[in-house]
């Protein structure tokens, strides 16, 4: 593999780092819906484990996202790992915020007023510990207070800007 220079962009009189979306689009990621009181919620492909002891996760949110103010105020959220048949939910929660909770059969109230999405592969209940400025986003550091897992459900994967199923090659 030969290194290829990614083009830098000029913006506001300074040169930005290369646009990494194409490269990271090649990486497969799990697909999550983050919910908080309101109800508010959004699709996230940035959820990551940061520590096992204590259990800490991180996820990103755009600084312009309407959900950010609620997360800052409530400091609690539910992170739901979508199952392979839930790509419509991933698309819904990445779109018009007024339609995200419009279908009451897709969710129910959860602990601390944070909605639970039904039919997910797993769920983390978190207390938000820190908000870290990161360019046009905020990285949220959260401590996991409880977890649920349904090992009979396979996760929904995001790869190459599309939602996909994991195909067993064995």
Protein backbone atom coordinates (compact mmCIF):
# COMPACT_ATOMS: atom_id res chain seq x y z
CA UNK A 1 0.00 0.00 0.00
CA UNK A 2 1.42 3.33 -1.07
CA UNK A 3 0.67 6.36 1.09
CA UNK A 4 -1.58 8.84 -0.67
CA UNK A 5 -1.76 12.45 0.40
CA UNK A 6 -5.34 13.46 1.11
CA UNK A 7 -6.17 16.92 -0.21
CA UNK A 8 -6.19 19.72 2.33
CA UNK A 9 -8.95 22.33 2.16
CA UNK A 10 -8.68 26.06 2.64
CA UNK A 11 -11.31 27.56 4.92
CA UNK A 12 -11.50 31.03 6.39
CA UNK A 13 -7.89 31.91 5.61
CA UNK A 14 -6.29 28.80 7.08
CA UNK A 15 -5.63 25.32 5.75
CA UNK A 16 -7.65 22.52 7.33
CA UNK A 17 -6.54 18.97 7.77
CA UNK A 18 -7.56 16.55 5.02
CA UNK A 19 -11.22 15.43 4.84
CA UNK A 20 -11.19 12.03 6.55
CA UNK A 21 -14.76 11.00 5.71
CA UNK A 22 -13.73 8.84 2.74
CA UNK A 23 -11.10 6.94 4.71
CA UNK A 24 -13.33 6.42 7.75
CA UNK A 25 -16.17 5.40 5.44
CA UNK A 26 -14.08 2.31 4.70
CA UNK A 27 -14.10 1.32 8.38
CA UNK A 28 -17.07 -0.71 9.60
CA UNK A 29 -18.78 0.73 12.68
CA UNK A 30 -21.60 -0.32 14.94
CA UNK A 31 -24.83 1.68 14.65
CA UNK A 32 -26.40 3.19 17.74
CA UNK A 33 -29.25 5.48 18.70
CA UNK A 34 -28.52 7.79 21.62
CA UNK A 35 -31.61 8.98 23.51
CA UNK A 36 -32.19 11.42 26.34
CA UNK A 37 -35.09 13.11 28.11
CA UNK A 38 -37.34 15.21 25.98
CA UNK A 39 -37.49 12.88 24.20
CA UNK A 40 -34.48 13.58 22.01
CA UNK A 41 -32.30 11.15 20.09
CA UNK A 42 -29.92 10.72 17.20
CA UNK A 43 -28.05 8.05 15.26
CA UNK A 44 -24.41 7.62 16.26
CA UNK A 45 -21.69 5.50 14.71
CA UNK A 46 -19.05 6.88 17.04
CA UNK A 47 -19.81 4.93 20.24
CA UNK A 48 -16.63 3.39 21.60
CA UNK A 49 -15.48 1.65 24.75
CA UNK A 50 -12.87 3.73 26.55
CA UNK A 51 -12.39 1.75 29.78
CA UNK A 52 -13.50 -1.59 31.22
CA UNK A 53 -12.84 -0.65 34.86
CA UNK A 54 -14.68 1.54 35.49
CA UNK A 55 -16.90 1.02 32.43
CA UNK A 56 -16.61 4.19 30.36
CA UNK A 57 -17.72 4.87 26.79
CA UNK A 58 -17.41 7.82 24.46
CA UNK A 59 -19.54 9.11 21.61
CA UNK A 60 -19.56 12.20 19.43
CA UNK A 61 -22.24 14.75 18.68
CA UNK A 62 -22.13 17.73 16.33
CA UNK A 63 -21.92 21.11 18.06
CA UNK A 64 -24.98 22.17 16.05
CA UNK A 65 -27.14 19.21 17.13
CA UNK A 66 -30.35 20.10 18.94
CA UNK A 67 -29.83 17.14 21.32
CA UNK A 68 -26.59 18.57 22.73
CA UNK A 69 -28.30 21.08 25.03
CA UNK A 70 -30.51 18.34 26.50
CA UNK A 71 -27.50 16.07 27.08
CA UNK A 72 -25.64 18.89 28.82
CA UNK A 73 -28.63 19.55 31.07
CA UNK A 74 -29.71 15.99 31.89
CA UNK A 75 -26.25 14.37 31.94
CA UNK A 76 -27.89 10.98 31.33
CA UNK A 77 -28.54 8.98 28.17
CA UNK A 78 -29.37 5.56 26.81
CA UNK A 79 -27.13 4.20 24.05
CA UNK A 80 -28.88 1.54 21.99
CA UNK A 81 -27.02 -0.84 19.66
CA UNK A 82 -29.34 -1.35 16.72
CA UNK A 83 -30.03 -4.83 15.42
CA UNK A 84 -29.56 -5.78 11.78
CA UNK A 85 -33.19 -5.19 10.77
CA UNK A 86 -33.32 -1.64 12.13
CA UNK A 87 -31.74 0.37 9.32
CA UNK A 88 -35.01 2.32 8.95
CA UNK A 89 -34.61 3.50 12.54
CA UNK A 90 -30.99 4.50 11.90
CA UNK A 91 -32.15 6.59 8.93
CA UNK A 92 -35.12 8.03 10.87
CA UNK A 93 -32.95 9.16 13.80
CA UNK A 94 -30.39 10.71 11.43
CA UNK A 95 -33.15 12.77 9.76
CA UNK A 96 -35.92 15.17 10.73
CA UNK A 97 -35.93 15.47 14.53
CA UNK A 98 -39.71 15.99 14.59
CA UNK A 99 -40.22 12.48 13.15
CA UNK A 100 -37.79 10.55 15.35
CA UNK A 101 -40.30 9.68 18.09
CA UNK A 102 -43.44 10.02 15.95
CA UNK A 103 -44.09 6.25 15.93
CA UNK A 104 -44.87 5.26 19.56
CA UNK A 105 -44.67 1.52 18.80
CA UNK A 106 -40.88 1.83 18.25
CA UNK A 107 -39.95 2.99 21.74
CA UNK A 108 -41.02 3.12 25.38
CA UNK A 109 -40.06 5.24 28.39
CA UNK A 110 -36.86 4.11 30.06
CA UNK A 111 -34.99 4.95 33.26
CA UNK A 112 -34.51 8.65 34.09
CA UNK A 113 -36.94 9.60 31.30
CA UNK A 114 -34.56 8.48 28.54
CA UNK A 115 -36.46 6.55 25.84
CA UNK A 116 -35.69 2.90 25.12
CA UNK A 117 -35.75 1.88 21.47
CA UNK A 118 -37.44 -1.52 21.12
CA UNK A 119 -35.85 -4.55 19.42
CA UNK A 120 -32.21 -3.50 19.85
CA UNK A 121 -29.23 -5.83 20.18
CA UNK A 122 -28.06 -4.11 23.35
CA UNK A 123 -28.42 -1.04 25.49
CA UNK A 124 -26.16 1.00 27.78
CA UNK A 125 -27.48 3.33 30.47
CA UNK A 126 -24.94 6.09 31.09
CA UNK A 127 -24.20 9.05 33.30
CA UNK A 128 -22.36 11.73 31.34
CA UNK A 129 -19.10 12.73 33.00
CA UNK A 130 -17.46 15.13 30.57
CA UNK A 131 -17.95 17.13 27.37
CA UNK A 132 -14.74 17.55 25.37
CA UNK A 133 -14.49 20.14 22.60
CA UNK A 134 -13.29 18.49 19.39
CA UNK A 135 -13.44 20.78 16.36
CA UNK A 136 -16.97 20.82 14.95
CA UNK A 137 -18.04 18.11 17.40
CA UNK A 138 -18.17 17.38 21.10
CA UNK A 139 -16.85 14.10 22.48
CA UNK A 140 -18.99 12.90 25.36
CA UNK A 141 -17.37 10.74 28.03
CA UNK A 142 -19.92 8.68 29.96
CA UNK A 143 -19.85 6.10 32.73
CA UNK A 144 -21.97 3.00 32.14
CA UNK A 145 -24.35 2.39 35.05
CA UNK A 146 -26.17 -0.63 33.59
CA UNK A 147 -26.24 -2.69 30.39
CA UNK A 148 -28.62 -5.01 28.57
CA UNK A 149 -27.64 -7.46 25.86
CA UNK A 150 -29.70 -9.69 23.56
CA UNK A 151 -27.23 -12.22 22.11
CA UNK A 152 -29.93 -13.55 19.75
CA UNK A 153 -29.85 -10.28 17.78
CA UNK A 154 -27.04 -9.39 15.39
CA UNK A 155 -25.90 -5.75 15.25
CA UNK A 156 -26.47 -3.33 12.39
CA UNK A 157 -23.19 -2.19 10.82
CA UNK A 158 -22.40 1.08 9.05
CA UNK A 159 -19.86 0.81 6.22
CA UNK A 160 -19.20 2.80 3.04
CA UNK A 161 -21.99 5.26 3.99
CA UNK A 162 -24.61 2.48 4.12
CA UNK A 163 -26.16 0.25 6.75
CA UNK A 164 -25.36 -3.43 6.34
CA UNK A 165 -25.82 -6.84 7.88
CA UNK A 166 -22.92 -8.97 9.06
CA UNK A 167 -22.60 -11.93 6.71
CA UNK A 168 -21.15 -15.09 8.20
CA UNK A 169 -18.43 -16.34 5.83
CA UNK A 170 -17.70 -19.63 7.60
